[in-house]
PDB file of N, CA and C in Angstrom:
ATOM      1  N   MET A   1    -108.579  44.736  40.719  1.00  0.00           N
ATOM      2  CA  MET A   1    -107.556  45.238  39.821  1.00  0.00           C
ATOM      3  C   MET A   1    -106.534  46.076  40.580  1.00  0.00           C
ATOM      4  N   LEU A   2    -106.983  46.882  41.512  1.00  0.00           N
ATOM      5  CA  LEU A   2    -106.101  47.718  42.323  1.00  0.00           C
ATOM      6  C   LEU A   2    -105.162  46.852  43.159  1.00  0.00           C
ATOM      7  N   GLU A   3    -105.669  45.734  43.671  1.00  0.00           N
ATOM      8  CA  GLU A   3    -104.849  44.839  44.481  1.00  0.00           C
ATOM      9  C   GLU A   3    -103.717  44.232  43.653  1.00  0.00           C
ATOM     10  N   VAL A   4    -103.989  43.884  42.418  1.00  0.00           N
ATOM     11  CA  VAL A   4    -102.963  43.300  41.547  1.00  0.00           C
ATOM     12  C   VAL A   4    -101.885  44.330  41.236  1.00  0.00           C
ATOM     13  N   ILE A   5    -102.266  45.544  40.949  1.00  0.00           N
ATOM     14  CA  ILE A   5    -101.301  46.609  40.657  1.00  0.00           C
ATOM     15  C   ILE A   5    -100.444  46.889  41.888  1.00  0.00           C
ATOM     16  N   LEU A   6    -101.042  46.926  43.057  1.00  0.00           N
ATOM     17  CA  LEU A   6    -100.320  47.156  44.309  1.00  0.00           C
ATOM     18  C   LEU A   6     -99.343  45.999  44.585  1.00  0.00           C
ATOM     19  N   ALA A   7     -99.772  44.775  44.345  1.00  0.00           N
ATOM     20  CA  ALA A   7     -98.901  43.617  44.558  1.00  0.00           C
ATOM     21  C   ALA A   7     -97.710  43.643  43.600  1.00  0.00           C
ATOM     22  N   ILE A   8     -97.944  44.027  42.349  1.00  0.00           N
ATOM     23  CA  ILE A   8     -96.854  44.109  41.380  1.00  0.00           C
ATOM     24  C   ILE A   8     -95.873  45.222  41.767  1.00  0.00           C
ATOM     25  N   ALA A   9     -96.369  46.335  42.268  1.00  0.00           N
ATOM     26  CA  ALA A   9     -95.499  47.435  42.702  1.00  0.00           C
ATOM     27  C   ALA A   9     -94.647  47.001  43.893  1.00  0.00           C
ATOM     28  N   ILE A  10     -95.249  46.305  44.846  1.00  0.00           N
ATOM     29  CA  ILE A  10     -94.501  45.824  46.009  1.00  0.00           C
ATOM     30  C   ILE A  10     -93.449  44.797  45.568  1.00  0.00           C
ATOM     31  N   LEU A  11     -93.817  43.899  44.683  1.00  0.00           N
ATOM     32  CA  LEU A  11     -92.891  42.895  44.179  1.00  0.00           C
ATOM     33  C   LEU A  11     -91.716  43.549  43.443  1.00  0.00           C
ATOM     34  N   GLY A  12     -91.996  44.526  42.601  1.00  0.00           N
ATOM     35  CA  GLY A  12     -90.942  45.230  41.857  1.00  0.00           C
ATOM     36  C   GLY A  12     -89.981  45.963  42.778  1.00  0.00           C
ATOM     37  N   THR A  13     -90.528  46.640  43.791  1.00  0.00           N
ATOM     38  CA  THR A  13     -89.691  47.359  44.752  1.00  0.00           C
ATOM     39  C   THR A  13     -88.809  46.399  45.538  1.00  0.00           C
ATOM     40  N   SER A  14     -89.395  45.306  45.987  1.00  0.00           N
ATOM     41  CA  SER A  14     -88.613  44.342  46.771  1.00  0.00           C
ATOM     42  C   SER A  14     -87.538  43.683  45.908  1.00  0.00           C
ATOM     43  N   MET A  15     -87.814  43.416  44.644  1.00  0.00           N
ATOM     44  CA  MET A  15     -86.812  42.834  43.758  1.00  0.00           C
ATOM     45  C   MET A  15     -85.652  43.807  43.521  1.00  0.00           C
ATOM     46  N   ALA A  16     -85.965  45.091  43.416  1.00  0.00           N
ATOM     47  CA  ALA A  16     -84.909  46.092  43.245  1.00  0.00           C
ATOM     48  C   ALA A  16     -84.008  46.160  44.481  1.00  0.00           C
ATOM     49  N   VAL A  17     -84.615  46.113  45.660  1.00  0.00           N
ATOM     50  CA  VAL A  17     -83.833  46.148  46.903  1.00  0.00           C
ATOM     51  C   VAL A  17     -82.982  44.889  47.028  1.00  0.00           C
ATOM     52  N   ILE A  18     -83.553  43.739  46.747  1.00  0.00           N
ATOM     53  CA  ILE A  18     -82.808  42.475  46.831  1.00  0.00           C
ATOM     54  C   ILE A  18     -81.664  42.464  45.821  1.00  0.00           C
ATOM     55  N   GLY A  19     -81.887  43.001  44.642  1.00  0.00           N
ATOM     56  CA  GLY A  19     -80.817  43.085  43.636  1.00  0.00           C
ATOM     57  C   GLY A  19     -79.654  43.942  44.117  1.00  0.00           C
ATOM     58  N   GLN A  20     -79.949  45.055  44.779  1.00  0.00           N
ATOM     59  CA  GLN A  20     -78.896  45.915  45.324  1.00  0.00           C
ATOM     60  C   GLN A  20     -78.119  45.209  46.430  1.00  0.00           C
ATOM     61  N   VAL A  21     -78.807  44.443  47.255  1.00  0.00           N
ATOM     62  CA  VAL A  21     -78.141  43.703  48.334  1.00  0.00           C
ATOM     63  C   VAL A  21     -77.201  42.654  47.739  1.00  0.00           C
ATOM     64  N   PHE A  22     -77.648  41.933  46.714  1.00  0.00           N
ATOM     65  CA  PHE A  22     -76.791  40.950  46.061  1.00  0.00           C
ATOM     66  C   PHE A  22     -75.579  41.617  45.414  1.00  0.00           C
ATOM     67  N   PHE A  23     -75.774  42.741  44.756  1.00  0.00           N
ATOM     68  CA  PHE A  23     -74.663  43.445  44.119  1.00  0.00           C
ATOM     69  C   PHE A  23     -73.664  43.936  45.156  1.00  0.00           C
ATOM     70  N   SER A  24     -74.153  44.448  46.271  1.00  0.00           N
ATOM     71  CA  SER A  24     -73.274  44.898  47.344  1.00  0.00           C
ATOM     72  C   SER A  24     -72.463  43.729  47.919  1.00  0.00           C
ATOM     73  N   GLY A  25     -73.089  42.595  48.082  1.00  0.00           N
ATOM     74  CA  GLY A  25     -72.383  41.403  48.552  1.00  0.00           C
ATOM     75  C   GLY A  25     -71.326  40.950  47.565  1.00  0.00           C
ATOM     76  N   TYR A  26     -71.635  41.019  46.286  1.00  0.00           N
ATOM     77  CA  TYR A  26     -70.678  40.644  45.251  1.00  0.00           C
ATOM     78  C   TYR A  26     -69.446  41.552  45.288  1.00  0.00           C
ATOM     79  N   ARG A  27     -69.668  42.869  45.388  1.00  0.00           N
ATOM     80  CA  ARG A  27     -68.541  43.809  45.457  1.00  0.00           C
ATOM     81  C   ARG A  27     -67.683  43.548  46.683  1.00  0.00           C
ATOM     82  N   SER A  28     -68.307  43.255  47.821  1.00  0.00           N
ATOM     83  CA  SER A  28     -67.555  42.962  49.039  1.00  0.00           C
ATOM     84  C   SER A  28     -66.746  41.679  48.896  1.00  0.00           C
ATOM     85  N   ALA A  29     -67.305  40.680  48.237  1.00  0.00           N
ATOM     86  CA  ALA A  29     -66.586  39.421  48.023  1.00  0.00           C
ATOM     87  C   ALA A  29     -65.379  39.629  47.110  1.00  0.00           C
ATOM     88  N   VAL A  30     -65.521  40.431  46.071  1.00  0.00           N
ATOM     89  CA  VAL A  30     -64.402  40.710  45.160  1.00  0.00           C
ATOM     90  C   VAL A  30     -63.308  41.475  45.893  1.00  0.00           C
ATOM     91  N   LEU A  31     -63.676  42.454  46.698  1.00  0.00           N
ATOM     92  CA  LEU A  31     -62.697  43.218  47.470  1.00  0.00           C
ATOM     93  C   LEU A  31     -61.973  42.319  48.468  1.00  0.00           C
ATOM     94  N   ALA A  32     -62.694  41.452  49.149  1.00  0.00           N
ATOM     95  CA  ALA A  32     -62.080  40.527  50.101  1.00  0.00           C
ATOM     96  C   ALA A  32     -61.112  39.584  49.387  1.00  0.00           C
ATOM     97  N   ARG A  33     -61.480  39.101  48.204  1.00  0.00           N
ATOM     98  CA  ARG A  33     -60.594  38.226  47.433  1.00  0.00           C
ATOM     99  C   ARG A  33     -59.323  38.956  47.029  1.00  0.00           C
ATOM    100  N   ASP A  34     -59.462  40.193  46.560  1.00  0.00           N
ATOM    101  CA  ASP A  34     -58.298  40.961  46.134  1.00  0.00           C
ATOM    102  C   ASP A  34     -57.379  41.286  47.312  1.00  0.00           C
ATOM    103  N   LEU A  35     -57.940  41.627  48.459  1.00  0.00           N
ATOM    104  CA  LEU A  35     -57.119  41.900  49.635  1.00  0.00           C
ATOM    105  C   LEU A  35     -56.428  40.635  50.130  1.00  0.00           C
ATOM    106  N   SER A  36     -57.088  39.511  50.029  1.00  0.00           N
ATOM    107  CA  SER A  36     -56.470  38.240  50.404  1.00  0.00           C
ATOM    108  C   SER A  36     -55.320  37.912  49.452  1.00  0.00           C
ATOM    109  N   ASP A  37     -55.530  38.114  48.162  1.00  0.00           N
ATOM    110  CA  ASP A  37     -54.456  37.898  47.184  1.00  0.00           C
ATOM    111  C   ASP A  37     -53.278  38.825  47.467  1.00  0.00           C
ATOM    112  N   ALA A  38     -53.560  40.089  47.776  1.00  0.00           N
ATOM    113  CA  ALA A  38     -52.493  41.049  48.062  1.00  0.00           C
ATOM    114  C   ALA A  38     -51.703  40.630  49.300  1.00  0.00           C
ATOM    115  N   THR A  39     -52.388  40.147  50.312  1.00  0.00           N
ATOM    116  CA  THR A  39     -51.710  39.701  51.524  1.00  0.00           C
ATOM    117  C   THR A  39     -50.801  38.513  51.240  1.00  0.00           C
ATOM    118  N   LEU A  40     -51.298  37.545  50.495  1.00  0.00           N
ATOM    119  CA  LEU A  40     -50.491  36.372  50.158  1.00  0.00           C
ATOM    120  C   LEU A  40     -49.286  36.751  49.290  1.00  0.00           C
ATOM    121  N   LEU A  41     -49.482  37.628  48.321  1.00  0.00           N
ATOM    122  CA  LEU A  41     -48.381  38.054  47.465  1.00  0.00           C
ATOM    123  C   LEU A  41     -47.337  38.845  48.244  1.00  0.00           C
ATOM    124  N   CYS A  42     -47.795  39.696  49.140  1.00  0.00           N
ATOM    125  CA  CYS A  42     -46.885  40.499  49.952  1.00  0.00           C
ATOM    126  C   CYS A  42     -46.033  39.597  50.849  1.00  0.00           C
ATOM    127  N   ASP A  43     -46.664  38.620  51.468  1.00  0.00           N
ATOM    128  CA  ASP A  43     -45.940  37.680  52.310  1.00  0.00           C
ATOM    129  C   ASP A  43     -44.986  36.832  51.479  1.00  0.00           C
ATOM    130  N   SER A  44     -45.377  36.489  50.263  1.00  0.00           N
ATOM    131  CA  SER A  44     -44.533  35.703  49.369  1.00  0.00           C
ATOM    132  C   SER A  44     -43.273  36.474  48.974  1.00  0.00           C
ATOM    133  N   VAL A  45     -43.426  37.745  48.635  1.00  0.00           N
ATOM    134  CA  VAL A  45     -42.268  38.571  48.275  1.00  0.00           C
ATOM    135  C   VAL A  45     -41.347  38.735  49.481  1.00  0.00           C
ATOM    136  N   MET A  46     -41.922  38.904  50.673  1.00  0.00           N
ATOM    137  CA  MET A  46     -41.104  39.040  51.876  1.00  0.00           C
ATOM    138  C   MET A  46     -40.338  37.742  52.144  1.00  0.00           C
ATOM    139  N   ALA A  47     -40.975  36.599  51.927  1.00  0.00           N
ATOM    140  CA  ALA A  47     -40.298  35.313  52.111  1.00  0.00           C
ATOM    141  C   ALA A  47     -39.174  35.137  51.090  1.00  0.00           C
ATOM    142  N   GLU A  48     -39.390  35.588  49.857  1.00  0.00           N
ATOM    143  CA  GLU A  48     -38.342  35.509  48.852  1.00  0.00           C
ATOM    144  C   GLU A  48     -37.162  36.398  49.216  1.00  0.00           C
ATOM    145  N   LEU A  49     -37.437  37.559  49.818  1.00  0.00           N
ATOM    146  CA  LEU A  49     -36.356  38.420  50.301  1.00  0.00           C
ATOM    147  C   LEU A  49     -35.567  37.716  51.397  1.00  0.00           C
ATOM    148  N   ALA A  50     -36.274  37.124  52.344  1.00  0.00           N
ATOM    149  CA  ALA A  50     -35.624  36.443  53.462  1.00  0.00           C
ATOM    150  C   ALA A  50     -34.807  35.249  52.977  1.00  0.00           C
ATOM    151  N   ALA A  51     -35.272  34.568  51.940  1.00  0.00           N
ATOM    152  CA  ALA A  51     -34.572  33.402  51.407  1.00  0.00           C
ATOM    153  C   ALA A  51     -33.406  33.786  50.506  1.00  0.00           C
ATOM    154  N   GLY A  52     -33.367  35.035  50.064  1.00  0.00           N
ATOM    155  CA  GLY A  52     -32.290  35.479  49.193  1.00  0.00           C
ATOM    156  C   GLY A  52     -32.605  35.368  47.719  1.00  0.00           C
ATOM    157  N   SER A  53     -33.818  35.028  47.362  1.00  0.00           N
ATOM    158  CA  SER A  53     -34.196  34.942  45.950  1.00  0.00           C
ATOM    159  C   SER A  53     -34.296  36.314  45.302  1.00  0.00           C
ATOM    160  N   ILE A  54     -34.603  37.322  46.104  1.00  0.00           N
ATOM    161  CA  ILE A  54     -34.681  38.704  45.637  1.00  0.00           C
ATOM    162  C   ILE A  54     -33.597  39.484  46.370  1.00  0.00           C
ATOM    163  N   GLU A  55     -32.889  40.343  45.651  1.00  0.00           N
ATOM    164  CA  GLU A  55     -31.823  41.135  46.252  1.00  0.00           C
ATOM    165  C   GLU A  55     -32.368  42.146  47.253  1.00  0.00           C
ATOM    166  N   PHE A  56     -31.578  42.413  48.301  1.00  0.00           N
ATOM    167  CA  PHE A  56     -31.928  43.416  49.296  1.00  0.00           C
ATOM    168  C   PHE A  56     -31.572  44.800  48.774  1.00  0.00           C
ATOM    169  N   GLU A  57     -32.400  45.327  47.938  1.00  0.00           N
ATOM    170  CA  GLU A  57     -32.216  46.678  47.433  1.00  0.00           C
ATOM    171  C   GLU A  57     -33.581  47.315  47.274  1.00  0.00           C
ATOM    172  N   SER A  58     -33.616  48.622  47.415  1.00  0.00           N
ATOM    173  CA  SER A  58     -34.885  49.318  47.262  1.00  0.00           C
ATOM    174  C   SER A  58     -35.345  49.228  45.818  1.00  0.00           C
ATOM    175  N   THR A  59     -36.581  48.784  45.642  1.00  0.00           N
ATOM    176  CA  THR A  59     -37.161  48.571  44.322  1.00  0.00           C
ATOM    177  C   THR A  59     -38.531  49.225  44.289  1.00  0.00           C
ATOM    178  N   SER A  60     -38.907  49.748  43.145  1.00  0.00           N
ATOM    179  CA  SER A  60     -40.231  50.335  43.005  1.00  0.00           C
ATOM    180  C   SER A  60     -40.838  49.914  41.679  1.00  0.00           C
ATOM    181  N   GLY A  61     -42.075  49.447  41.720  1.00  0.00           N
ATOM    182  CA  GLY A  61     -42.804  49.117  40.502  1.00  0.00           C
ATOM    183  C   GLY A  61     -42.370  47.845  39.816  1.00  0.00           C
ATOM    184  N   ALA A  62     -41.754  46.922  40.546  1.00  0.00           N
ATOM    185  CA  ALA A  62     -41.336  45.656  39.937  1.00  0.00           C
ATOM    186  C   ALA A  62     -42.549  44.740  39.802  1.00  0.00           C
ATOM    187  N   THR A  63     -42.591  44.009  38.719  1.00  0.00           N
ATOM    188  CA  THR A  63     -43.709  43.091  38.511  1.00  0.00           C
ATOM    189  C   THR A  63     -43.388  41.749  39.163  1.00  0.00           C
ATOM    190  N   ILE A  64     -44.442  41.056  39.558  1.00  0.00           N
ATOM    191  CA  ILE A  64     -44.296  39.753  40.185  1.00  0.00           C
ATOM    192  C   ILE A  64     -44.346  38.703  39.079  1.00  0.00           C
ATOM    193  N   PRO A  65     -43.317  37.863  38.977  1.00  0.00           N
ATOM    194  CA  PRO A  65     -43.326  36.834  37.929  1.00  0.00           C
ATOM    195  C   PRO A  65     -44.510  35.883  38.096  1.00  0.00           C
ATOM    196  N   ASN A  66     -45.110  35.519  36.987  1.00  0.00           N
ATOM    197  CA  ASN A  66     -46.237  34.577  36.936  1.00  0.00           C
ATOM    198  C   ASN A  66     -47.510  35.084  37.597  1.00  0.00           C
ATOM    199  N   VAL A  67     -47.558  36.355  37.988  1.00  0.00           N
ATOM    200  CA  VAL A  67     -48.772  36.941  38.569  1.00  0.00           C
ATOM    201  C   VAL A  67     -49.030  38.263  37.844  1.00  0.00           C
ATOM    202  N   PRO A  68     -49.753  38.230  36.741  1.00  0.00           N
ATOM    203  CA  PRO A  68     -49.963  39.462  35.979  1.00  0.00           C
ATOM    204  C   PRO A  68     -50.869  40.449  36.720  1.00  0.00           C
ATOM    205  N   GLY A  69     -50.563  41.715  36.536  1.00  0.00           N
ATOM    206  CA  GLY A  69     -51.412  42.764  37.092  1.00  0.00           C
ATOM    207  C   GLY A  69     -51.019  43.244  38.478  1.00  0.00           C
ATOM    208  N   TRP A  70     -49.999  42.662  39.086  1.00  0.00           N
ATOM    209  CA  TRP A  70     -49.568  43.072  40.422  1.00  0.00           C
ATOM    210  C   TRP A  70     -48.129  43.562  40.347  1.00  0.00           C
ATOM    211  N   GLU A  71     -47.817  44.555  41.170  1.00  0.00           N
ATOM    212  CA  GLU A  71     -46.446  45.047  41.247  1.00  0.00           C
ATOM    213  C   GLU A  71     -46.072  45.243  42.712  1.00  0.00           C
ATOM    214  N   TYR A  72     -44.770  45.221  42.981  1.00  0.00           N
ATOM    215  CA  TYR A  72     -44.322  45.370  44.356  1.00  0.00           C
ATOM    216  C   TYR A  72     -43.198  46.385  44.459  1.00  0.00           C
ATOM    217  N   SER A  73     -43.035  46.901  45.660  1.00  0.00           N
ATOM    218  CA  SER A  73     -41.950  47.813  45.973  1.00  0.00           C
ATOM    219  C   SER A  73     -41.278  47.320  47.248  1.00  0.00           C
ATOM    220  N   VAL A  74     -39.971  47.458  47.305  1.00  0.00           N
ATOM    221  CA  VAL A  74     -39.205  47.053  48.477  1.00  0.00           C
ATOM    222  C   VAL A  74     -38.398  48.253  48.945  1.00  0.00           C
ATOM    223  N   GLU A  75     -38.422  48.492  50.234  1.00  0.00           N
ATOM    224  CA  GLU A  75     -37.610  49.554  50.823  1.00  0.00           C
ATOM    225  C   GLU A  75     -36.857  48.967  52.004  1.00  0.00           C
ATOM    226  N   THR A  76     -35.544  49.099  51.994  1.00  0.00           N
ATOM    227  CA  THR A  76     -34.738  48.597  53.101  1.00  0.00           C
ATOM    228  C   THR A  76     -33.945  49.740  53.697  1.00  0.00           C
ATOM    229  N   VAL A  77     -33.958  49.840  55.017  1.00  0.00           N
ATOM    230  CA  VAL A  77     -33.177  50.840  55.742  1.00  0.00           C
ATOM    231  C   VAL A  77     -32.534  50.154  56.937  1.00  0.00           C
ATOM    232  N   GLN A  78     -31.445  50.723  57.395  1.00  0.00           N
ATOM    233  CA  GLN A  78     -30.779  50.191  58.577  1.00  0.00           C
ATOM    234  C   GLN A  78     -31.672  50.398  59.793  1.00  0.00           C
ATOM    235  N   SER A  79     -31.720  49.401  60.646  1.00  0.00           N
ATOM    236  CA  SER A  79     -32.505  49.521  61.880  1.00  0.00           C
ATOM    237  C   SER A  79     -31.582  49.895  63.027  1.00  0.00           C
ATOM    238  N   ASP A  80     -32.155  50.089  64.192  1.00  0.00           N
ATOM    239  CA  ASP A  80     -31.375  50.409  65.385  1.00  0.00           C
ATOM    240  C   ASP A  80     -30.607  49.199  65.900  1.00  0.00           C
ATOM    241  N   VAL A  81     -30.999  48.015  65.479  1.00  0.00           N
ATOM    242  CA  VAL A  81     -30.351  46.781  65.911  1.00  0.00           C
ATOM    243  C   VAL A  81     -29.270  46.422  64.887  1.00  0.00           C
ATOM    244  N   PRO A  82     -28.018  46.272  65.331  1.00  0.00           N
ATOM    245  CA  PRO A  82     -26.953  45.922  64.389  1.00  0.00           C
ATOM    246  C   PRO A  82     -27.223  44.566  63.733  1.00  0.00           C
ATOM    247  N   GLY A  83     -27.010  44.514  62.435  1.00  0.00           N
ATOM    248  CA  GLY A  83     -27.180  43.274  61.692  1.00  0.00           C
ATOM    249  C   GLY A  83     -28.574  43.030  61.166  1.00  0.00           C
ATOM    250  N   LEU A  84     -29.501  43.935  61.417  1.00  0.00           N
ATOM    251  CA  LEU A  84     -30.867  43.779  60.934  1.00  0.00           C
ATOM    252  C   LEU A  84     -31.265  44.960  60.064  1.00  0.00           C
ATOM    253  N   LEU A  85     -31.979  44.672  59.012  1.00  0.00           N
ATOM    254  CA  LEU A  85     -32.526  45.697  58.124  1.00  0.00           C
ATOM    255  C   LEU A  85     -34.022  45.798  58.336  1.00  0.00           C
ATOM    256  N   LEU A  86     -34.533  46.995  58.400  1.00  0.00           N
ATOM    257  CA  LEU A  86     -35.972  47.229  58.462  1.00  0.00           C
ATOM    258  C   LEU A  86     -36.475  47.215  57.022  1.00  0.00           C
ATOM    259  N   THR A  87     -37.229  46.187  56.678  1.00  0.00           N
ATOM    260  CA  THR A  87     -37.636  45.951  55.293  1.00  0.00           C
ATOM    261  C   THR A  87     -39.140  46.134  55.150  1.00  0.00           C
ATOM    262  N   THR A  88     -39.545  46.948  54.194  1.00  0.00           N
ATOM    263  CA  THR A  88     -40.954  47.176  53.899  1.00  0.00           C
ATOM    264  C   THR A  88     -41.241  46.679  52.493  1.00  0.00           C
ATOM    265  N   VAL A  89     -42.242  45.802  52.376  1.00  0.00           N
ATOM    266  CA  VAL A  89     -42.704  45.321  51.073  1.00  0.00           C
ATOM    267  C   VAL A  89     -44.119  45.818  50.876  1.00  0.00           C
ATOM    268  N   ALA A  90     -44.367  46.483  49.768  1.00  0.00           N
ATOM    269  CA  ALA A  90     -45.697  46.997  49.440  1.00  0.00           C
ATOM    270  C   ALA A  90     -46.145  46.381  48.115  1.00  0.00           C
ATOM    271  N   ILE A  91     -47.373  45.900  48.098  1.00  0.00           N
ATOM    272  CA  ILE A  91     -47.962  45.278  46.907  1.00  0.00           C
ATOM    273  C   ILE A  91     -49.150  46.127  46.481  1.00  0.00           C
ATOM    274  N   SER A  92     -49.309  46.311  45.188  1.00  0.00           N
ATOM    275  CA  SER A  92     -50.498  47.018  44.692  1.00  0.00           C
ATOM    276  C   SER A  92     -50.909  46.418  43.359  1.00  0.00           C
ATOM    277  N   ARG A  93     -52.167  46.571  43.070  1.00  0.00           N
ATOM    278  CA  ARG A  93     -52.694  46.116  41.782  1.00  0.00           C
ATOM    279  C   ARG A  93     -52.497  47.236  40.779  1.00  0.00           C
ATOM    280  N   GLN A  94     -52.012  46.921  39.598  1.00  0.00           N
ATOM    281  CA  GLN A  94     -51.703  47.940  38.601  1.00  0.00           C
ATOM    282  C   GLN A  94     -52.949  48.669  38.107  1.00  0.00           C
ATOM    283  N   SER A  95     -54.072  47.994  38.045  1.00  0.00           N
ATOM    284  CA  SER A  95     -55.278  48.605  37.487  1.00  0.00           C
ATOM    285  C   SER A  95     -56.159  49.267  38.543  1.00  0.00           C
ATOM    286  N   SER A  96     -55.763  49.181  39.809  1.00  0.00           N
ATOM    287  CA  SER A  96     -56.614  49.714  40.869  1.00  0.00           C
ATOM    288  C   SER A  96     -55.763  50.414  41.917  1.00  0.00           C
ATOM    289  N   ASN A  97     -56.205  51.582  42.337  1.00  0.00           N
ATOM    290  CA  ASN A  97     -55.515  52.303  43.404  1.00  0.00           C
ATOM    291  C   ASN A  97     -56.017  51.895  44.781  1.00  0.00           C
ATOM    292  N   THR A  98     -57.107  51.147  44.834  1.00  0.00           N
ATOM    293  CA  THR A  98     -57.705  50.821  46.126  1.00  0.00           C
ATOM    294  C   THR A  98     -57.155  49.536  46.726  1.00  0.00           C
ATOM    295  N   ILE A  99     -56.541  48.673  45.919  1.00  0.00           N
ATOM    296  CA  ILE A  99     -56.032  47.406  46.420  1.00  0.00           C
ATOM    297  C   ILE A  99     -54.536  47.557  46.671  1.00  0.00           C
ATOM    298  N   ALA A 100     -54.148  47.574  47.941  1.00  0.00           N
ATOM    299  CA  ALA A 100     -52.743  47.696  48.310  1.00  0.00           C
ATOM    300  C   ALA A 100     -52.537  47.057  49.681  1.00  0.00           C
ATOM    301  N   MET A 101     -51.322  46.560  49.894  1.00  0.00           N
ATOM    302  CA  MET A 101     -50.984  45.913  51.156  1.00  0.00           C
ATOM    303  C   MET A 101     -49.499  46.140  51.384  1.00  0.00           C
ATOM    304  N   SER A 102     -49.096  46.274  52.648  1.00  0.00           N
ATOM    305  CA  SER A 102     -47.667  46.382  52.941  1.00  0.00           C
ATOM    306  C   SER A 102     -47.352  45.630  54.226  1.00  0.00           C
ATOM    307  N   ILE A 103     -46.134  45.104  54.277  1.00  0.00           N
ATOM    308  CA  ILE A 103     -45.637  44.378  55.442  1.00  0.00           C
ATOM    309  C   ILE A 103     -44.272  44.961  55.794  1.00  0.00           C
ATOM    310  N   VAL A 104     -44.025  45.136  57.085  1.00  0.00           N
ATOM    311  CA  VAL A 104     -42.736  45.619  57.561  1.00  0.00           C
ATOM    312  C   VAL A 104     -42.157  44.560  58.489  1.00  0.00           C
ATOM    313  N   ARG A 105     -40.923  44.145  58.208  1.00  0.00           N
ATOM    314  CA  ARG A 105     -40.242  43.151  59.047  1.00  0.00           C
ATOM    315  C   ARG A 105     -38.770  43.507  59.153  1.00  0.00           C
ATOM    316  N   MET A 106     -38.156  43.002  60.209  1.00  0.00           N
ATOM    317  CA  MET A 106     -36.714  43.117  60.358  1.00  0.00           C
ATOM    318  C   MET A 106     -36.100  41.823  59.841  1.00  0.00           C
ATOM    319  N   LEU A 107     -35.212  41.958  58.854  1.00  0.00           N
ATOM    320  CA  LEU A 107     -34.551  40.802  58.260  1.00  0.00           C
ATOM    321  C   LEU A 107     -33.042  40.932  58.447  1.00  0.00           C
ATOM    322  N   PRO A 108     -32.347  39.815  58.525  1.00  0.00           N
ATOM    323  CA  PRO A 108     -30.886  39.870  58.675  1.00  0.00           C
ATOM    324  C   PRO A 108     -30.228  40.557  57.478  1.00  0.00           C
ATOM    325  N   ASP A 109     -29.244  41.391  57.781  1.00  0.00           N
ATOM    326  CA  ASP A 109     -28.484  42.079  56.738  1.00  0.00           C
ATOM    327  C   ASP A 109     -27.474  41.096  56.153  1.00  0.00           C
ATOM    328  N   PRO A 110     -27.558  40.798  54.847  1.00  0.00           N
ATOM    329  CA  PRO A 110     -26.635  39.837  54.272  1.00  0.00           C
ATOM    330  C   PRO A 110     -25.192  40.335  54.226  1.00  0.00           C
ATOM    331  N   ASP A 111     -24.980  41.634  54.321  1.00  0.00           N
ATOM    332  CA  ASP A 111     -23.637  42.204  54.270  1.00  0.00           C
ATOM    333  C   ASP A 111     -23.056  42.448  55.665  1.00  0.00           C
ATOM    334  N   TYR A 112     -23.778  42.065  56.708  1.00  0.00           N
ATOM    335  CA  TYR A 112     -23.347  42.340  58.068  1.00  0.00           C
ATOM    336  C   TYR A 112     -22.273  41.345  58.508  1.00  0.00           C
ATOM    337  N   SER A 113     -21.275  41.869  59.184  1.00  0.00           N
ATOM    338  CA  SER A 113     -20.221  41.046  59.750  1.00  0.00           C
ATOM    339  C   SER A 113     -20.080  41.421  61.218  1.00  0.00           C
ATOM    340  N   ALA A 114     -20.133  40.434  62.104  1.00  0.00           N
ATOM    341  CA  ALA A 114     -20.062  40.684  63.550  1.00  0.00           C
ATOM    342  C   ALA A 114     -18.698  41.246  63.937  1.00  0.00           C
ATOM    343  N   GLU A 115     -17.671  40.950  63.174  1.00  0.00           N
ATOM    344  CA  GLU A 115     -16.334  41.438  63.498  1.00  0.00           C
ATOM    345  C   GLU A 115     -16.238  42.957  63.349  1.00  0.00           C
ATOM    346  N   GLU A 116     -17.063  43.526  62.490  1.00  0.00           N
ATOM    347  CA  GLU A 116     -17.030  44.981  62.280  1.00  0.00           C
ATOM    348  C   GLU A 116     -17.482  45.726  63.508  1.00  0.00           C
ATOM    349  N   GLN A 117     -18.320  45.143  64.340  1.00  0.00           N
ATOM    350  CA  GLN A 117     -18.880  45.811  65.509  1.00  0.00           C
ATOM    351  C   GLN A 117     -17.950  45.790  66.705  1.00  0.00           C
ATOM    352  N   GLN A 118     -16.933  44.960  66.706  1.00  0.00           N
ATOM    353  CA  GLN A 118     -16.049  44.847  67.876  1.00  0.00           C
ATOM    354  C   GLN A 118     -14.909  45.789  67.829  1.00  0.00           C
TER     355      GLN A 118
END
């Protein structure tokens, strides 16, 4: 009888540990998925800026069309190189403070004219 009780206790303890390991793996998978989504969305917004679909102006808290729950911010400043803007795009999830991504790139200034520099 003692052996059966001991075996059940060992089985219960091991099941609890295995359950925690599975839950930890699940949380890591969800975080990895959200960070991957944030990276893709951030790159997508930056590509839309480069293509001219989004205006080159500083924006904060704009929602992404067709992607509910995500918002982006754009910051553009003049760079040291004439004709290029230092552009920062930041993406965050509206319901979570932990999921965020940002990309910084130099993009051509649409208002730049080479004749102005001469």
